[in-house]
Amino acid sequence: TSVSPEAVFATPADAHELVFLDRLCRTVHVLNYVAEGSEAPFLFLNLDPRHIRAVAEHGLVFEGILRRSGLTPEQVVIEVLETAADDPESLGRAIENFRSRGFLVAIDDFGRGHANFDRLWNLNPDLIKFDRHLIASAADDPRLGAVLPKLVDVARARGARVLFEGVEREEELELARSSGADLVQGYLLGRPAAHCAPQSSVRSQGRFDS
């Protein structure tokens, strides 16, 4: 039975279980990525901000998992989920630790929950993934469509590339392109592979600059 990521990550009873689940999920995605023989240059993996307070040495264990799988940190994008971080300063230090080890950093679902401008200023991500409701709403409302390029400009001013999530219609793809997005992701381009979970980090993505 398919279970949503939100339901899965609501199950840990304490920090120990959360760390175990987080590492298990990332390991599964790494194995799927390797088994698929993906030509995609990056593997995108979610990181729950709650995980930050549960461990001290961020990236060390996961580096070992990657090494045994034949991958390097430079091939991985750590996506910070839109959930709240109890200690933003600790989150910032942990992200810098990941970055110092070679990982790239993304803000997931920007425009939703706690994935807001404060997090953009504090984390200086390499990539910003705009939540799908932005592109879907803007495709139906010309006033919102006129705002999207300005949001892209703000992201670029912080040195980040922009990815629009949840592109499911041709008009959304065209709007993402005209707004200046670097990448797009969504069912219009491809669905998760059958052997992966519904929200797998091995996902089809389209580039506008390749």
Protein backbone atom coordinates (compact mmCIF):
# COMPACT_ATOMS: atom_id res chain seq x y z
CA THR A 1 0.00 0.00 0.00
CA SER A 2 1.30 3.41 -0.93
CA VAL A 3 2.05 5.63 2.05
CA SER A 4 2.76 9.35 1.81
CA PRO A 5 6.19 10.65 2.92
CA GLU A 6 4.43 12.89 5.45
CA ALA A 7 2.82 9.85 7.10
CA VAL A 8 6.10 7.93 7.18
CA PHE A 9 8.08 10.75 8.79
CA ALA A 10 5.36 11.31 11.38
CA THR A 11 5.99 7.83 12.82
CA PRO A 12 9.34 8.21 14.69
CA ALA A 13 8.78 8.33 18.44
CA ASP A 14 12.14 9.89 19.31
CA ALA A 15 15.34 11.32 17.86
CA HIS A 16 16.98 7.89 17.58
CA GLU A 17 14.14 6.55 15.42
CA LEU A 18 14.13 9.71 13.30
CA VAL A 19 17.85 9.41 12.52
CA PHE A 20 17.46 5.70 11.70
CA LEU A 21 14.51 6.36 9.36
CA ASP A 22 16.22 9.30 7.67
CA ARG A 23 19.40 7.30 6.95
CA LEU A 24 17.37 4.29 5.83
CA CYS A 25 15.41 6.35 3.31
CA ARG A 26 18.53 8.01 1.93
CA THR A 27 20.26 4.63 1.61
CA VAL A 28 17.29 3.16 -0.29
CA HIS A 29 17.33 6.09 -2.72
CA VAL A 30 21.08 5.77 -3.26
CA LEU A 31 20.69 2.06 -4.06
CA ASN A 32 17.80 2.81 -6.46
CA TYR A 33 19.86 5.49 -8.18
CA VAL A 34 22.82 3.16 -8.65
CA ALA A 35 20.66 0.22 -9.75
CA GLU A 36 18.83 2.36 -12.28
CA GLY A 37 22.10 3.44 -13.86
CA SER A 38 20.69 6.95 -14.08
CA GLU A 39 22.40 9.43 -16.40
CA ALA A 40 21.07 12.31 -14.29
CA PRO A 41 24.03 14.30 -12.96
CA PHE A 42 22.60 14.64 -9.44
CA LEU A 43 20.75 12.55 -6.91
CA PHE A 44 18.24 14.68 -4.94
CA LEU A 45 17.66 13.60 -1.33
CA ASN A 46 15.36 15.13 1.28
CA LEU A 47 16.60 16.11 4.72
CA ASP A 48 14.12 16.73 7.53
CA PRO A 49 15.23 19.76 9.59
CA ARG A 50 14.28 17.83 12.75
CA HIS A 51 17.19 15.50 11.95
CA ILE A 52 19.63 18.37 12.49
CA ARG A 53 19.23 18.42 16.26
CA ALA A 54 19.43 14.65 16.55
CA VAL A 55 23.01 14.19 15.31
CA ALA A 56 26.24 16.09 15.76
CA GLU A 57 28.44 15.04 12.82
CA HIS A 58 26.35 15.84 9.77
CA GLY A 59 27.37 14.08 6.59
CA LEU A 60 29.97 11.67 8.01
CA VAL A 61 27.80 8.55 8.10
CA PHE A 62 26.16 9.33 4.80
CA GLU A 63 29.54 9.85 3.15
CA GLY A 64 30.37 6.25 4.06
CA ILE A 65 27.10 5.04 2.52
CA LEU A 66 27.88 6.90 -0.69
CA ARG A 67 31.44 5.63 -0.81
CA ARG A 68 30.32 2.01 -0.53
CA SER A 69 27.86 2.66 -3.37
CA GLY A 70 30.47 4.21 -5.66
CA LEU A 71 29.11 7.76 -5.40
CA THR A 72 30.58 11.02 -4.11
CA PRO A 73 29.04 13.93 -2.18
CA GLU A 74 29.45 16.12 -5.28
CA GLN A 75 26.75 14.02 -6.98
CA VAL A 76 24.18 14.62 -4.23
CA VAL A 77 21.82 17.54 -3.63
CA ILE A 78 20.54 17.75 -0.04
CA GLU A 79 16.99 19.13 -0.09
CA VAL A 80 15.90 20.88 3.10
CA LEU A 81 12.18 20.17 3.59
CA GLU A 82 9.66 22.91 4.27
CA THR A 83 9.03 21.75 7.85
CA ALA A 84 9.98 23.94 10.79
CA ALA A 85 13.47 23.99 12.26
CA ASP A 86 13.45 24.47 16.03
CA ASP A 87 16.96 25.92 15.90
CA PRO A 88 17.63 27.85 12.65
CA GLU A 89 21.25 28.53 13.66
CA SER A 90 21.93 24.81 14.11
CA LEU A 91 20.30 24.15 10.75
CA GLY A 92 22.59 26.72 9.15
CA ARG A 93 25.71 25.17 10.71
CA ALA A 94 24.67 21.68 9.64
CA ILE A 95 24.05 22.81 6.07
CA GLU A 96 27.47 24.47 5.96
CA ASN A 97 28.95 21.19 7.19
CA PHE A 98 27.26 19.29 4.35
CA ARG A 99 28.42 21.93 1.87
CA SER A 100 32.02 21.80 3.14
CA ARG A 101 32.03 18.06 2.37
CA GLY A 102 31.01 18.67 -1.23
CA PHE A 103 27.23 18.25 -1.10
CA LEU A 104 25.02 20.71 -2.94
CA VAL A 105 22.09 22.24 -1.03
CA ALA A 106 18.53 22.95 -2.13
CA ILE A 107 15.47 24.45 -0.47
CA ASP A 108 12.51 22.19 -1.22
CA ASP A 109 8.92 23.42 -1.79
CA PHE A 110 9.85 27.12 -1.67
CA GLY A 111 6.72 29.17 -1.05
CA ARG A 112 5.17 26.55 1.25
CA GLY A 113 5.41 26.12 5.01
CA HIS A 114 8.76 27.27 6.40
CA ALA A 115 10.48 27.23 3.00
CA ASN A 116 10.34 31.01 2.84
CA PHE A 117 12.59 34.02 2.30
CA ASP A 118 14.09 33.75 5.80
CA ARG A 119 15.38 30.29 4.96
CA LEU A 120 16.63 31.54 1.60
CA TRP A 121 18.65 34.31 3.27
CA ASN A 122 20.01 32.03 5.99
CA LEU A 123 21.01 28.98 3.96
CA ASN A 124 22.25 30.48 0.67
CA PRO A 125 21.22 27.35 -1.27
CA ASP A 126 22.68 26.24 -4.58
CA LEU A 127 19.18 25.43 -5.84
CA ILE A 128 15.65 26.58 -4.99
CA LYS A 129 12.77 24.26 -5.82
CA PHE A 130 9.57 26.28 -6.21
CA ASP A 131 6.49 24.51 -4.81
CA ARG A 132 4.11 23.24 -7.49
CA HIS A 133 1.21 25.43 -6.36
CA LEU A 134 3.14 28.49 -7.60
CA ILE A 135 3.41 27.31 -11.20
CA ALA A 136 -0.10 25.79 -11.19
CA SER A 137 -1.72 28.96 -9.84
CA ALA A 138 0.33 31.27 -12.06
CA ALA A 139 -0.66 29.32 -15.18
CA ASP A 140 -4.30 30.11 -14.42
CA ASP A 141 -3.84 33.70 -13.24
CA PRO A 142 -1.90 36.17 -15.46
CA ARG A 143 -1.27 38.46 -12.47
CA LEU A 144 0.56 35.71 -10.64
CA GLY A 145 2.30 34.73 -13.84
CA ALA A 146 3.79 38.21 -14.03
CA VAL A 147 5.26 37.79 -10.53
CA LEU A 148 7.13 34.53 -11.21
CA PRO A 149 10.04 36.09 -13.15
CA LYS A 150 10.61 38.48 -10.23
CA LEU A 151 10.80 35.56 -7.78
CA VAL A 152 13.30 33.88 -10.08
CA ASP A 153 15.35 37.10 -10.11
CA VAL A 154 15.40 37.13 -6.28
CA ALA A 155 16.69 33.56 -6.24
CA ARG A 156 19.35 34.36 -8.82
CA ALA A 157 20.45 37.37 -6.76
CA ARG A 158 21.29 34.90 -3.98
CA GLY A 159 23.38 32.84 -6.39
CA ALA A 160 20.86 29.99 -6.64
CA ARG A 161 19.50 28.13 -9.64
CA VAL A 162 15.73 27.68 -9.90
CA LEU A 163 13.70 24.51 -10.39
CA PHE A 164 9.90 24.47 -10.77
CA GLU A 165 8.27 21.37 -9.26
CA GLY A 166 5.01 19.71 -10.26
CA VAL A 167 4.89 20.71 -13.91
CA GLU A 168 1.93 18.73 -15.26
CA ARG A 169 0.59 20.85 -18.15
CA GLU A 170 2.14 22.29 -21.29
CA GLU A 171 1.14 25.82 -20.26
CA GLU A 172 3.00 25.36 -16.95
CA LEU A 173 6.11 24.22 -18.81
CA GLU A 174 5.98 27.24 -21.08
CA LEU A 175 5.48 29.58 -18.11
CA ALA A 176 8.46 28.05 -16.29
CA ARG A 177 10.55 28.55 -19.41
CA SER A 178 9.46 32.16 -19.92
CA SER A 179 10.04 32.92 -16.22
CA GLY A 180 13.68 31.92 -16.53
CA ALA A 181 13.75 28.58 -14.68
CA ASP A 182 16.91 26.51 -15.00
CA LEU A 183 15.17 23.16 -14.49
CA VAL A 184 11.68 21.71 -14.31
CA GLN A 185 10.31 18.57 -12.70
CA GLY A 186 6.92 16.91 -12.93
CA TYR A 187 4.64 14.28 -14.38
CA LEU A 188 4.59 16.04 -17.76
CA LEU A 189 8.26 15.01 -18.13
CA GLY A 190 8.14 11.61 -16.44
CA ARG A 191 6.86 9.65 -13.48
CA PRO A 192 8.82 7.86 -10.74
CA ALA A 193 10.26 4.50 -11.74
CA ALA A 194 8.17 1.49 -10.71
CA HIS A 195 10.81 0.13 -8.31
CA CYS A 196 11.04 3.42 -6.43
CA ALA A 197 8.73 4.93 -3.83
CA PRO A 198 6.03 7.37 -5.07
CA GLN A 199 8.12 10.36 -3.96
CA SER A 200 11.47 8.89 -4.96
CA SER A 201 14.46 11.13 -5.26
CA VAL A 202 15.21 9.48 -8.62
CA ARG A 203 12.96 11.68 -10.71
CA SER A 204 12.78 12.85 -14.29
CA GLN A 205 13.94 16.40 -14.74
CA GLY A 206 14.19 18.66 -17.73
CA ARG A 207 16.89 21.26 -18.28
CA PHE A 208 16.54 24.50 -20.19
CA ASP A 209 20.28 25.12 -20.42
CA SER A 210 21.54 21.79 -21.77
